[in-house]
Amino acid sequence: MCSLVYVVIHEQKTWQQAQAYCTANHIDLATVQSDEDWANLRDVVQKMTKTAWIGLYNDINSWRWSYQNKEIAFSTWSSGEPNNYGGYEACGVTQGSSWNDYDCNGLFPFFCFNGKKL
């Protein structure tokens, strides 16, 4: 089985700035399409012990991946998430072993993927 290779960028950016960086220097923000992808990304996340942007965003009707605008088929949301707290949480972060929605203007490190398979 093949999975995506992820790159952590420690510089703090908004979700939009992070996506622009990833598309200019890699492929896009991290996308997770399978349990294997998530296992690879989670291993890197747990070493960081921080919140970080991934390629999730809410287009009003559904949660999608920024790469190719695909609707999510795999998810690992935290309990009660996504909840759009305060009406401003339209971007996705990874926090430890799960995902959360967050205000897109927050400043976090982020994960890009480079499209290479293991």
PDB file of N, CA and C in Angstrom:
ATOM      1  N   MET A   1       0.840  -1.183   0.000  1.00  0.00           N
ATOM      2  CA  MET A   1       0.000   0.000   0.000  1.00  0.00           C
ATOM      3  C   MET A   1       0.889   1.252   0.000  1.00  0.00           C
ATOM      4  N   CYS A   2       0.514   2.260  -0.739  1.00  0.00           N
ATOM      5  CA  CYS A   2       1.271   3.509  -0.808  1.00  0.00           C
ATOM      6  C   CYS A   2       0.528   4.599  -0.054  1.00  0.00           C
ATOM      7  N   SER A   3       1.259   5.560   0.441  1.00  0.00           N
ATOM      8  CA  SER A   3       0.620   6.698   1.101  1.00  0.00           C
ATOM      9  C   SER A   3       1.423   7.964   0.819  1.00  0.00           C
ATOM     10  N   LEU A   4       0.835   9.079   1.176  1.00  0.00           N
ATOM     11  CA  LEU A   4       1.458  10.371   0.925  1.00  0.00           C
ATOM     12  C   LEU A   4       2.596  10.631   1.900  1.00  0.00           C
ATOM     13  N   VAL A   5       3.544  11.442   1.462  1.00  0.00           N
ATOM     14  CA  VAL A   5       4.653  11.866   2.306  1.00  0.00           C
ATOM     15  C   VAL A   5       4.391  13.314   2.715  1.00  0.00           C
ATOM     16  N   TYR A   6       4.484  13.584   4.007  1.00  0.00           N
ATOM     17  CA  TYR A   6       4.154  14.899   4.545  1.00  0.00           C
ATOM     18  C   TYR A   6       5.402  15.641   4.990  1.00  0.00           C
ATOM     19  N   VAL A   7       5.333  16.963   4.899  1.00  0.00           N
ATOM     20  CA  VAL A   7       6.429  17.843   5.289  1.00  0.00           C
ATOM     21  C   VAL A   7       5.875  18.840   6.297  1.00  0.00           C
ATOM     22  N   VAL A   8       6.523  18.959   7.442  1.00  0.00           N
ATOM     23  CA  VAL A   8       6.080  19.928   8.443  1.00  0.00           C
ATOM     24  C   VAL A   8       6.792  21.254   8.205  1.00  0.00           C
ATOM     25  N   ILE A   9       6.028  22.334   8.249  1.00  0.00           N
ATOM     26  CA  ILE A   9       6.573  23.688   8.134  1.00  0.00           C
ATOM     27  C   ILE A   9       6.298  24.367   9.474  1.00  0.00           C
ATOM     28  N   HIS A  10       7.341  24.729  10.186  1.00  0.00           N
ATOM     29  CA  HIS A  10       7.191  25.241  11.549  1.00  0.00           C
ATOM     30  C   HIS A  10       6.788  26.711  11.610  1.00  0.00           C
ATOM     31  N   GLU A  11       6.914  27.421  10.514  1.00  0.00           N
ATOM     32  CA  GLU A  11       6.528  28.831  10.472  1.00  0.00           C
ATOM     33  C   GLU A  11       5.018  28.952  10.669  1.00  0.00           C
ATOM     34  N   GLN A  12       4.585  29.903  11.488  1.00  0.00           N
ATOM     35  CA  GLN A  12       3.161  30.065  11.752  1.00  0.00           C
ATOM     36  C   GLN A  12       2.518  30.966  10.705  1.00  0.00           C
ATOM     37  N   LYS A  13       1.434  30.460  10.123  1.00  0.00           N
ATOM     38  CA  LYS A  13       0.704  31.194   9.089  1.00  0.00           C
ATOM     39  C   LYS A  13      -0.788  30.963   9.269  1.00  0.00           C
ATOM     40  N   THR A  14      -1.601  31.825   8.638  1.00  0.00           N
ATOM     41  CA  THR A  14      -3.030  31.557   8.559  1.00  0.00           C
ATOM     42  C   THR A  14      -3.233  30.375   7.616  1.00  0.00           C
ATOM     43  N   TRP A  15      -4.455  29.834   7.582  1.00  0.00           N
ATOM     44  CA  TRP A  15      -4.718  28.701   6.692  1.00  0.00           C
ATOM     45  C   TRP A  15      -4.460  29.087   5.237  1.00  0.00           C
ATOM     46  N   GLN A  16      -4.941  30.262   4.816  1.00  0.00           N
ATOM     47  CA  GLN A  16      -4.758  30.695   3.427  1.00  0.00           C
ATOM     48  C   GLN A  16      -3.286  30.894   3.092  1.00  0.00           C
ATOM     49  N   GLN A  17      -2.527  31.490   4.009  1.00  0.00           N
ATOM     50  CA  GLN A  17      -1.091  31.670   3.785  1.00  0.00           C
ATOM     51  C   GLN A  17      -0.371  30.324   3.719  1.00  0.00           C
ATOM     52  N   ALA A  18      -0.782  29.399   4.580  1.00  0.00           N
ATOM     53  CA  ALA A  18      -0.187  28.061   4.580  1.00  0.00           C
ATOM     54  C   ALA A  18      -0.470  27.349   3.258  1.00  0.00           C
ATOM     55  N   GLN A  19      -1.694  27.457   2.780  1.00  0.00           N
ATOM     56  CA  GLN A  19      -2.017  26.812   1.508  1.00  0.00           C
ATOM     57  C   GLN A  19      -1.198  27.415   0.370  1.00  0.00           C
ATOM     58  N   ALA A  20      -1.074  28.736   0.353  1.00  0.00           N
ATOM     59  CA  ALA A  20      -0.283  29.389  -0.697  1.00  0.00           C
ATOM     60  C   ALA A  20       1.170  28.908  -0.651  1.00  0.00           C
ATOM     61  N   TYR A  21       1.729  28.793   0.547  1.00  0.00           N
ATOM     62  CA  TYR A  21       3.100  28.301   0.691  1.00  0.00           C
ATOM     63  C   TYR A  21       3.214  26.874   0.152  1.00  0.00           C
ATOM     64  N   CYS A  22       2.283  26.023   0.553  1.00  0.00           N
ATOM     65  CA  CYS A  22       2.343  24.617   0.121  1.00  0.00           C
ATOM     66  C   CYS A  22       2.192  24.481  -1.390  1.00  0.00           C
ATOM     67  N   THR A  23       1.276  25.226  -1.984  1.00  0.00           N
ATOM     68  CA  THR A  23       1.087  25.102  -3.435  1.00  0.00           C
ATOM     69  C   THR A  23       2.280  25.663  -4.204  1.00  0.00           C
ATOM     70  N   ALA A  24       2.983  26.635  -3.628  1.00  0.00           N
ATOM     71  CA  ALA A  24       4.163  27.197  -4.293  1.00  0.00           C
ATOM     72  C   ALA A  24       5.399  26.309  -4.139  1.00  0.00           C
ATOM     73  N   ASN A  25       5.496  25.583  -3.018  1.00  0.00           N
ATOM     74  CA  ASN A  25       6.718  24.846  -2.709  1.00  0.00           C
ATOM     75  C   ASN A  25       6.574  23.324  -2.684  1.00  0.00           C
ATOM     76  N   HIS A  26       5.366  22.839  -2.631  1.00  0.00           N
ATOM     77  CA  HIS A  26       5.104  21.394  -2.592  1.00  0.00           C
ATOM     78  C   HIS A  26       3.927  21.130  -3.530  1.00  0.00           C
ATOM     79  N   ILE A  27       2.928  20.385  -3.074  1.00  0.00           N
ATOM     80  CA  ILE A  27       1.721  20.173  -3.871  1.00  0.00           C
ATOM     81  C   ILE A  27       0.571  20.987  -3.288  1.00  0.00           C
ATOM     82  N   ASP A  28       0.273  20.777  -2.006  1.00  0.00           N
ATOM     83  CA  ASP A  28      -0.815  21.490  -1.326  1.00  0.00           C
ATOM     84  C   ASP A  28      -0.692  21.196   0.160  1.00  0.00           C
ATOM     85  N   LEU A  29      -1.620  21.747   0.947  1.00  0.00           N
ATOM     86  CA  LEU A  29      -1.703  21.373   2.352  1.00  0.00           C
ATOM     87  C   LEU A  29      -1.980  19.874   2.456  1.00  0.00           C
ATOM     88  N   ALA A  30      -1.637  19.294   3.590  1.00  0.00           N
ATOM     89  CA  ALA A  30      -1.794  17.856   3.792  1.00  0.00           C
ATOM     90  C   ALA A  30      -3.220  17.397   3.540  1.00  0.00           C
ATOM     91  N   THR A  31      -3.328  16.325   2.783  1.00  0.00           N
ATOM     92  CA  THR A  31      -4.586  15.661   2.477  1.00  0.00           C
ATOM     93  C   THR A  31      -4.506  14.247   3.025  1.00  0.00           C
ATOM     94  N   VAL A  32      -5.593  13.768   3.604  1.00  0.00           N
ATOM     95  CA  VAL A  32      -5.632  12.419   4.169  1.00  0.00           C
ATOM     96  C   VAL A  32      -6.754  11.651   3.492  1.00  0.00           C
ATOM     97  N   GLN A  33      -6.400  10.608   2.767  1.00  0.00           N
ATOM     98  CA  GLN A  33      -7.395   9.826   2.027  1.00  0.00           C
ATOM     99  C   GLN A  33      -7.612   8.427   2.591  1.00  0.00           C
ATOM    100  N   SER A  34      -6.797   8.024   3.570  1.00  0.00           N
ATOM    101  CA  SER A  34      -6.893   6.647   4.056  1.00  0.00           C
ATOM    102  C   SER A  34      -6.342   6.543   5.477  1.00  0.00           C
ATOM    103  N   ASP A  35      -6.592   5.397   6.100  1.00  0.00           N
ATOM    104  CA  ASP A  35      -6.016   5.117   7.419  1.00  0.00           C
ATOM    105  C   ASP A  35      -4.493   5.176   7.371  1.00  0.00           C
ATOM    106  N   GLU A  36      -3.917   4.683   6.288  1.00  0.00           N
ATOM    107  CA  GLU A  36      -2.459   4.676   6.158  1.00  0.00           C
ATOM    108  C   GLU A  36      -1.908   6.101   6.067  1.00  0.00           C
ATOM    109  N   ASP A  37      -2.573   6.959   5.274  1.00  0.00           N
ATOM    110  CA  ASP A  37      -2.169   8.370   5.215  1.00  0.00           C
ATOM    111  C   ASP A  37      -2.217   8.979   6.609  1.00  0.00           C
ATOM    112  N   TRP A  38      -3.327   8.731   7.326  1.00  0.00           N
ATOM    113  CA  TRP A  38      -3.494   9.320   8.653  1.00  0.00           C
ATOM    114  C   TRP A  38      -2.426   8.792   9.614  1.00  0.00           C
ATOM    115  N   ALA A  39      -2.104   7.526   9.548  1.00  0.00           N
ATOM    116  CA  ALA A  39      -1.068   6.968  10.420  1.00  0.00           C
ATOM    117  C   ALA A  39       0.271   7.658  10.175  1.00  0.00           C
ATOM    118  N   ASN A  40       0.617   7.898   8.914  1.00  0.00           N
ATOM    119  CA  ASN A  40       1.877   8.580   8.590  1.00  0.00           C
ATOM    120  C   ASN A  40       1.875  10.020   9.082  1.00  0.00           C
ATOM    121  N   LEU A  41       0.778  10.735   8.869  1.00  0.00           N
ATOM    122  CA  LEU A  41       0.703  12.127   9.322  1.00  0.00           C
ATOM    123  C   LEU A  41       0.667  12.191  10.844  1.00  0.00           C
ATOM    124  N   ARG A  42      -0.096  11.320  11.476  1.00  0.00           N
ATOM    125  CA  ARG A  42      -0.217  11.312  12.939  1.00  0.00           C
ATOM    126  C   ARG A  42       1.137  11.090  13.597  1.00  0.00           C
ATOM    127  N   ASP A  43       1.972  10.240  13.022  1.00  0.00           N
ATOM    128  CA  ASP A  43       3.311  10.019  13.580  1.00  0.00           C
ATOM    129  C   ASP A  43       4.103  11.319  13.634  1.00  0.00           C
ATOM    130  N   VAL A  44       4.010  12.123  12.597  1.00  0.00           N
ATOM    131  CA  VAL A  44       4.713  13.406  12.559  1.00  0.00           C
ATOM    132  C   VAL A  44       4.061  14.391  13.526  1.00  0.00           C
ATOM    133  N   VAL A  45       2.724  14.419  13.558  1.00  0.00           N
ATOM    134  CA  VAL A  45       1.978  15.328  14.440  1.00  0.00           C
ATOM    135  C   VAL A  45       2.348  15.073  15.894  1.00  0.00           C
ATOM    136  N   GLN A  46       2.384  13.836  16.298  1.00  0.00           N
ATOM    137  CA  GLN A  46       2.635  13.513  17.702  1.00  0.00           C
ATOM    138  C   GLN A  46       4.037  13.905  18.142  1.00  0.00           C
ATOM    139  N   LYS A  47       4.970  13.972  17.228  1.00  0.00           N
ATOM    140  CA  LYS A  47       6.313  14.447  17.559  1.00  0.00           C
ATOM    141  C   LYS A  47       6.310  15.954  17.798  1.00  0.00           C
ATOM    142  N   MET A  48       5.374  16.660  17.152  1.00  0.00           N
ATOM    143  CA  MET A  48       5.272  18.112  17.300  1.00  0.00           C
ATOM    144  C   MET A  48       4.567  18.507  18.585  1.00  0.00           C
ATOM    145  N   THR A  49       3.578  17.720  18.996  1.00  0.00           N
ATOM    146  CA  THR A  49       2.696  18.017  20.126  1.00  0.00           C
ATOM    147  C   THR A  49       2.079  19.409  20.032  1.00  0.00           C
ATOM    148  N   LYS A  50       1.693  19.814  18.841  1.00  0.00           N
ATOM    149  CA  LYS A  50       1.087  21.126  18.612  1.00  0.00           C
ATOM    150  C   LYS A  50      -0.084  21.000  17.660  1.00  0.00           C
ATOM    151  N   THR A  51      -0.826  22.063  17.592  1.00  0.00           N
ATOM    152  CA  THR A  51      -1.879  22.199  16.596  1.00  0.00           C
ATOM    153  C   THR A  51      -1.240  22.646  15.287  1.00  0.00           C
ATOM    154  N   ALA A  52      -1.716  22.103  14.164  1.00  0.00           N
ATOM    155  CA  ALA A  52      -1.162  22.474  12.858  1.00  0.00           C
ATOM    156  C   ALA A  52      -2.249  22.387  11.793  1.00  0.00           C
ATOM    157  N   TRP A  53      -2.163  23.281  10.814  1.00  0.00           N
ATOM    158  CA  TRP A  53      -3.108  23.270   9.696  1.00  0.00           C
ATOM    159  C   TRP A  53      -2.915  22.033   8.826  1.00  0.00           C
ATOM    160  N   ILE A  54      -4.041  21.515   8.342  1.00  0.00           N
ATOM    161  CA  ILE A  54      -4.053  20.536   7.262  1.00  0.00           C
ATOM    162  C   ILE A  54      -4.992  21.088   6.198  1.00  0.00           C
ATOM    163  N   GLY A  55      -5.163  20.398   5.102  1.00  0.00           N
ATOM    164  CA  GLY A  55      -5.900  20.939   3.959  1.00  0.00           C
ATOM    165  C   GLY A  55      -7.409  20.899   4.038  1.00  0.00           C
ATOM    166  N   LEU A  56      -7.986  20.774   5.215  1.00  0.00           N
ATOM    167  CA  LEU A  56      -9.443  20.749   5.368  1.00  0.00           C
ATOM    168  C   LEU A  56     -10.032  22.147   5.356  1.00  0.00           C
ATOM    169  N   TYR A  57     -11.150  22.315   4.665  1.00  0.00           N
ATOM    170  CA  TYR A  57     -11.900  23.564   4.746  1.00  0.00           C
ATOM    171  C   TYR A  57     -13.374  23.269   4.516  1.00  0.00           C
ATOM    172  N   ASN A  58     -14.219  24.146   5.028  1.00  0.00           N
ATOM    173  CA  ASN A  58     -15.666  24.000   4.889  1.00  0.00           C
ATOM    174  C   ASN A  58     -16.138  24.958   3.810  1.00  0.00           C
ATOM    175  N   ASP A  59     -16.730  24.418   2.758  1.00  0.00           N
ATOM    176  CA  ASP A  59     -17.218  25.265   1.659  1.00  0.00           C
ATOM    177  C   ASP A  59     -18.690  25.629   1.841  1.00  0.00           C
ATOM    178  N   ILE A  60     -19.190  25.638   3.051  1.00  0.00           N
ATOM    179  CA  ILE A  60     -20.563  25.919   3.459  1.00  0.00           C
ATOM    180  C   ILE A  60     -21.411  24.654   3.426  1.00  0.00           C
ATOM    181  N   ASN A  61     -21.297  23.860   2.378  1.00  0.00           N
ATOM    182  CA  ASN A  61     -22.117  22.655   2.252  1.00  0.00           C
ATOM    183  C   ASN A  61     -21.438  21.390   2.760  1.00  0.00           C
ATOM    184  N   SER A  62     -20.114  21.355   2.747  1.00  0.00           N
ATOM    185  CA  SER A  62     -19.408  20.137   3.151  1.00  0.00           C
ATOM    186  C   SER A  62     -17.940  20.443   3.433  1.00  0.00           C
ATOM    187  N   TRP A  63     -17.307  19.545   4.187  1.00  0.00           N
ATOM    188  CA  TRP A  63     -15.871  19.637   4.422  1.00  0.00           C
ATOM    189  C   TRP A  63     -15.147  19.014   3.245  1.00  0.00           C
ATOM    190  N   ARG A  64     -14.122  19.717   2.773  1.00  0.00           N
ATOM    191  CA  ARG A  64     -13.400  19.297   1.575  1.00  0.00           C
ATOM    192  C   ARG A  64     -11.902  19.428   1.824  1.00  0.00           C
ATOM    193  N   TRP A  65     -11.137  18.778   0.945  1.00  0.00           N
ATOM    194  CA  TRP A  65      -9.685  18.938   0.922  1.00  0.00           C
ATOM    195  C   TRP A  65      -9.335  20.027  -0.081  1.00  0.00           C
ATOM    196  N   SER A  66      -8.388  20.868   0.281  1.00  0.00           N
ATOM    197  CA  SER A  66      -7.979  21.935  -0.632  1.00  0.00           C
ATOM    198  C   SER A  66      -7.410  21.361  -1.928  1.00  0.00           C
ATOM    199  N   TYR A  67      -6.697  20.239  -1.843  1.00  0.00           N
ATOM    200  CA  TYR A  67      -6.126  19.627  -3.039  1.00  0.00           C
ATOM    201  C   TYR A  67      -7.236  19.003  -3.872  1.00  0.00           C
ATOM    202  N   GLN A  68      -7.419  19.482  -5.068  1.00  0.00           N
ATOM    203  CA  GLN A  68      -8.421  19.023  -6.030  1.00  0.00           C
ATOM    204  C   GLN A  68      -9.860  19.196  -5.543  1.00  0.00           C
ATOM    205  N   ASN A  69     -10.044  19.980  -4.463  1.00  0.00           N
ATOM    206  CA  ASN A  69     -11.380  20.303  -3.966  1.00  0.00           C
ATOM    207  C   ASN A  69     -12.236  19.056  -3.713  1.00  0.00           C
ATOM    208  N   LYS A  70     -11.620  17.991  -3.216  1.00  0.00           N
ATOM    209  CA  LYS A  70     -12.329  16.725  -3.006  1.00  0.00           C
ATOM    210  C   LYS A  70     -13.058  16.712  -1.669  1.00  0.00           C
ATOM    211  N   GLU A  71     -14.289  16.188  -1.688  1.00  0.00           N
ATOM    212  CA  GLU A  71     -15.025  15.984  -0.448  1.00  0.00           C
ATOM    213  C   GLU A  71     -14.295  14.921   0.376  1.00  0.00           C
ATOM    214  N   ILE A  72     -14.285  15.091   1.703  1.00  0.00           N
ATOM    215  CA  ILE A  72     -13.542  14.135   2.520  1.00  0.00           C
ATOM    216  C   ILE A  72     -14.243  12.779   2.539  1.00  0.00           C
ATOM    217  N   ALA A  73     -13.460  11.728   2.391  1.00  0.00           N
ATOM    218  CA  ALA A  73     -13.980  10.363   2.438  1.00  0.00           C
ATOM    219  C   ALA A  73     -13.519   9.668   3.720  1.00  0.00           C
ATOM    220  N   PHE A  74     -12.465  10.183   4.325  1.00  0.00           N
ATOM    221  CA  PHE A  74     -11.905   9.649   5.567  1.00  0.00           C
ATOM    222  C   PHE A  74     -11.859  10.798   6.557  1.00  0.00           C
ATOM    223  N   SER A  75     -12.215  10.554   7.813  1.00  0.00           N
ATOM    224  CA  SER A  75     -12.108  11.618   8.815  1.00  0.00           C
ATOM    225  C   SER A  75     -11.798  11.037  10.181  1.00  0.00           C
ATOM    226  N   THR A  76     -11.234  11.868  11.027  1.00  0.00           N
ATOM    227  CA  THR A  76     -10.940  11.505  12.405  1.00  0.00           C
ATOM    228  C   THR A  76     -11.150  12.735  13.295  1.00  0.00           C
ATOM    229  N   TRP A  77     -12.375  13.262  13.241  1.00  0.00           N
ATOM    230  CA  TRP A  77     -12.736  14.450  14.014  1.00  0.00           C
ATOM    231  C   TRP A  77     -12.706  14.151  15.513  1.00  0.00           C
ATOM    232  N   SER A  78     -12.332  15.154  16.301  1.00  0.00           N
ATOM    233  CA  SER A  78     -12.467  15.062  17.751  1.00  0.00           C
ATOM    234  C   SER A  78     -13.946  14.963  18.086  1.00  0.00           C
ATOM    235  N   SER A  79     -14.259  14.446  19.253  1.00  0.00           N
ATOM    236  CA  SER A  79     -15.647  14.330  19.689  1.00  0.00           C
ATOM    237  C   SER A  79     -16.324  15.704  19.663  1.00  0.00           C
ATOM    238  N   GLY A  80     -17.498  15.782  19.054  1.00  0.00           N
ATOM    239  CA  GLY A  80     -18.237  17.041  18.977  1.00  0.00           C
ATOM    240  C   GLY A  80     -17.788  17.970  17.869  1.00  0.00           C
ATOM    241  N   GLU A  81     -16.846  17.539  17.065  1.00  0.00           N
ATOM    242  CA  GLU A  81     -16.321  18.361  15.969  1.00  0.00           C
ATOM    243  C   GLU A  81     -16.729  17.777  14.621  1.00  0.00           C
ATOM    244  N   PRO A  82     -16.801  18.555  13.595  1.00  0.00           N
ATOM    245  CA  PRO A  82     -16.643  20.011  13.573  1.00  0.00           C
ATOM    246  C   PRO A  82     -17.893  20.690  14.138  1.00  0.00           C
ATOM    247  N   ASN A  83     -17.700  21.799  14.851  1.00  0.00           N
ATOM    248  CA  ASN A  83     -18.840  22.472  15.478  1.00  0.00           C
ATOM    249  C   ASN A  83     -19.016  23.924  15.053  1.00  0.00           C
ATOM    250  N   ASN A  84     -18.106  24.460  14.261  1.00  0.00           N
ATOM    251  CA  ASN A  84     -18.182  25.846  13.794  1.00  0.00           C
ATOM    252  C   ASN A  84     -18.459  26.806  14.951  1.00  0.00           C
ATOM    253  N   TYR A  85     -17.729  26.644  16.042  1.00  0.00           N
ATOM    254  CA  TYR A  85     -17.915  27.464  17.234  1.00  0.00           C
ATOM    255  C   TYR A  85     -17.829  28.950  16.890  1.00  0.00           C
ATOM    256  N   GLY A  86     -18.829  29.690  17.269  1.00  0.00           N
ATOM    257  CA  GLY A  86     -18.868  31.123  17.009  1.00  0.00           C
ATOM    258  C   GLY A  86     -19.156  31.483  15.566  1.00  0.00           C
ATOM    259  N   GLY A  87     -19.363  30.490  14.715  1.00  0.00           N
ATOM    260  CA  GLY A  87     -19.673  30.743  13.314  1.00  0.00           C
ATOM    261  C   GLY A  87     -18.473  31.100  12.452  1.00  0.00           C
ATOM    262  N   TYR A  88     -17.256  30.895  12.972  1.00  0.00           N
ATOM    263  CA  TYR A  88     -16.052  31.310  12.249  1.00  0.00           C
ATOM    264  C   TYR A  88     -15.078  30.177  11.963  1.00  0.00           C
ATOM    265  N   GLU A  89     -15.423  28.945  12.287  1.00  0.00           N
ATOM    266  CA  GLU A  89     -14.468  27.851  12.155  1.00  0.00           C
ATOM    267  C   GLU A  89     -14.683  27.104  10.840  1.00  0.00           C
ATOM    268  N   ALA A  90     -13.956  27.499   9.824  1.00  0.00           N
ATOM    269  CA  ALA A  90     -14.137  26.920   8.489  1.00  0.00           C
ATOM    270  C   ALA A  90     -12.880  26.243   7.954  1.00  0.00           C
ATOM    271  N   CYS A  91     -11.844  26.095   8.796  1.00  0.00           N
ATOM    272  CA  CYS A  91     -10.605  25.448   8.363  1.00  0.00           C
ATOM    273  C   CYS A  91     -10.226  24.370   9.368  1.00  0.00           C
ATOM    274  N   GLY A  92      -9.478  23.371   8.892  1.00  0.00           N
ATOM    275  CA  GLY A  92      -9.173  22.225   9.728  1.00  0.00           C
ATOM    276  C   GLY A  92      -7.749  22.192  10.245  1.00  0.00           C
ATOM    277  N   VAL A  93      -7.631  21.773  11.511  1.00  0.00           N
ATOM    278  CA  VAL A  93      -6.328  21.561  12.138  1.00  0.00           C
ATOM    279  C   VAL A  93      -6.248  20.129  12.641  1.00  0.00           C
ATOM    280  N   THR A  94      -5.042  19.662  12.803  1.00  0.00           N
ATOM    281  CA  THR A  94      -4.820  18.402  13.488  1.00  0.00           C
ATOM    282  C   THR A  94      -4.297  18.729  14.874  1.00  0.00           C
ATOM    283  N   GLN A  95      -4.839  18.026  15.862  1.00  0.00           N
ATOM    284  CA  GLN A  95      -4.428  18.209  17.253  1.00  0.00           C
ATOM    285  C   GLN A  95      -4.199  16.824  17.840  1.00  0.00           C
ATOM    286  N   GLY A  96      -2.957  16.403  17.892  1.00  0.00           N
ATOM    287  CA  GLY A  96      -2.662  15.071  18.408  1.00  0.00           C
ATOM    288  C   GLY A  96      -3.184  13.995  17.484  1.00  0.00           C
ATOM    289  N   SER A  97      -4.161  13.238  17.962  1.00  0.00           N
ATOM    290  CA  SER A  97      -4.652  12.105  17.177  1.00  0.00           C
ATOM    291  C   SER A  97      -5.996  12.365  16.513  1.00  0.00           C
ATOM    292  N   SER A  98      -6.408  13.631  16.418  1.00  0.00           N
ATOM    293  CA  SER A  98      -7.702  13.923  15.797  1.00  0.00           C
ATOM    294  C   SER A  98      -7.699  15.299  15.142  1.00  0.00           C
ATOM    295  N   TRP A  99      -8.833  15.639  14.532  1.00  0.00           N
ATOM    296  CA  TRP A  99      -8.988  16.906  13.823  1.00  0.00           C
ATOM    297  C   TRP A  99      -9.979  17.794  14.546  1.00  0.00           C
ATOM    298  N   ASN A 100      -9.857  19.089  14.288  1.00  0.00           N
ATOM    299  CA  ASN A 100     -10.756  20.083  14.856  1.00  0.00           C
ATOM    300  C   ASN A 100     -10.949  21.177  13.819  1.00  0.00           C
ATOM    301  N   ASP A 101     -12.110  21.835  13.856  1.00  0.00           N
ATOM    302  CA  ASP A 101     -12.285  23.007  12.997  1.00  0.00           C
ATOM    303  C   ASP A 101     -11.829  24.234  13.771  1.00  0.00           C
ATOM    304  N   TYR A 102     -11.360  25.249  13.043  1.00  0.00           N
ATOM    305  CA  TYR A 102     -10.759  26.417  13.686  1.00  0.00           C
ATOM    306  C   TYR A 102     -10.930  27.632  12.784  1.00  0.00           C
ATOM    307  N   ASP A 103     -10.862  28.806  13.388  1.00  0.00           N
ATOM    308  CA  ASP A 103     -10.899  30.064  12.636  1.00  0.00           C
ATOM    309  C   ASP A 103      -9.707  30.095  11.677  1.00  0.00           C
ATOM    310  N   CYS A 104      -9.965  30.313  10.407  1.00  0.00           N
ATOM    311  CA  CYS A 104      -8.925  30.286   9.361  1.00  0.00           C
ATOM    312  C   CYS A 104      -7.841  31.342   9.555  1.00  0.00           C
ATOM    313  N   ASN A 105      -8.100  32.343  10.392  1.00  0.00           N
ATOM    314  CA  ASN A 105      -7.119  33.400  10.622  1.00  0.00           C
ATOM    315  C   ASN A 105      -6.154  33.092  11.764  1.00  0.00           C
ATOM    316  N   GLY A 106      -6.327  31.954  12.419  1.00  0.00           N
ATOM    317  CA  GLY A 106      -5.387  31.547  13.454  1.00  0.00           C
ATOM    318  C   GLY A 106      -4.003  31.330  12.855  1.00  0.00           C
ATOM    319  N   LEU A 107      -2.984  31.454  13.670  1.00  0.00           N
ATOM    320  CA  LEU A 107      -1.602  31.265  13.215  1.00  0.00           C
ATOM    321  C   LEU A 107      -1.053  29.961  13.780  1.00  0.00           C
ATOM    322  N   PHE A 108      -0.723  29.036  12.877  1.00  0.00           N
ATOM    323  CA  PHE A 108      -0.217  27.722  13.267  1.00  0.00           C
ATOM    324  C   PHE A 108       0.851  27.257  12.291  1.00  0.00           C
ATOM    325  N   PRO A 109       1.706  26.336  12.737  1.00  0.00           N
ATOM    326  CA  PRO A 109       2.535  25.621  11.767  1.00  0.00           C
ATOM    327  C   PRO A 109       1.606  24.777  10.898  1.00  0.00           C
ATOM    328  N   PHE A 110       2.141  24.115   9.892  1.00  0.00           N
ATOM    329  CA  PHE A 110       1.253  23.398   8.972  1.00  0.00           C
ATOM    330  C   PHE A 110       1.988  22.258   8.290  1.00  0.00           C
ATOM    331  N   PHE A 111       1.198  21.401   7.664  1.00  0.00           N
ATOM    332  CA  PHE A 111       1.728  20.257   6.936  1.00  0.00           C
ATOM    333  C   PHE A 111       1.414  20.388   5.463  1.00  0.00           C
ATOM    334  N   CYS A 112       2.432  20.205   4.647  1.00  0.00           N
ATOM    335  CA  CYS A 112       2.261  20.113   3.197  1.00  0.00           C
ATOM    336  C   CYS A 112       2.455  18.654   2.808  1.00  0.00           C
ATOM    337  N   PHE A 113       2.026  18.294   1.623  1.00  0.00           N
ATOM    338  CA  PHE A 113       2.406  16.991   1.089  1.00  0.00           C
ATOM    339  C   PHE A 113       3.059  17.215  -0.257  1.00  0.00           C
ATOM    340  N   ASN A 114       3.986  16.323  -0.577  1.00  0.00           N
ATOM    341  CA  ASN A 114       4.743  16.511  -1.812  1.00  0.00           C
ATOM    342  C   ASN A 114       4.355  15.514  -2.890  1.00  0.00           C
ATOM    343  N   GLY A 115       3.350  14.707  -2.639  1.00  0.00           N
ATOM    344  CA  GLY A 115       2.841  13.806  -3.659  1.00  0.00           C
ATOM    345  C   GLY A 115       3.596  12.505  -3.802  1.00  0.00           C
ATOM    346  N   LYS A 116       4.754  12.386  -3.164  1.00  0.00           N
ATOM    347  CA  LYS A 116       5.529  11.150  -3.271  1.00  0.00           C
ATOM    348  C   LYS A 116       4.872  10.053  -2.451  1.00  0.00           C
ATOM    349  N   LYS A 117       5.010   8.859  -2.916  1.00  0.00           N
ATOM    350  CA  LYS A 117       4.470   7.690  -2.218  1.00  0.00           C
ATOM    351  C   LYS A 117       5.592   6.940  -1.523  1.00  0.00           C
ATOM    352  N   LEU A 118       5.275   6.316  -0.415  1.00  0.00           N
ATOM    353  CA  LEU A 118       6.248   5.479   0.298  1.00  0.00           C
ATOM    354  C   LEU A 118       6.290   4.095  -0.321  1.00  0.00           C
TER     355      LEU A 118
END
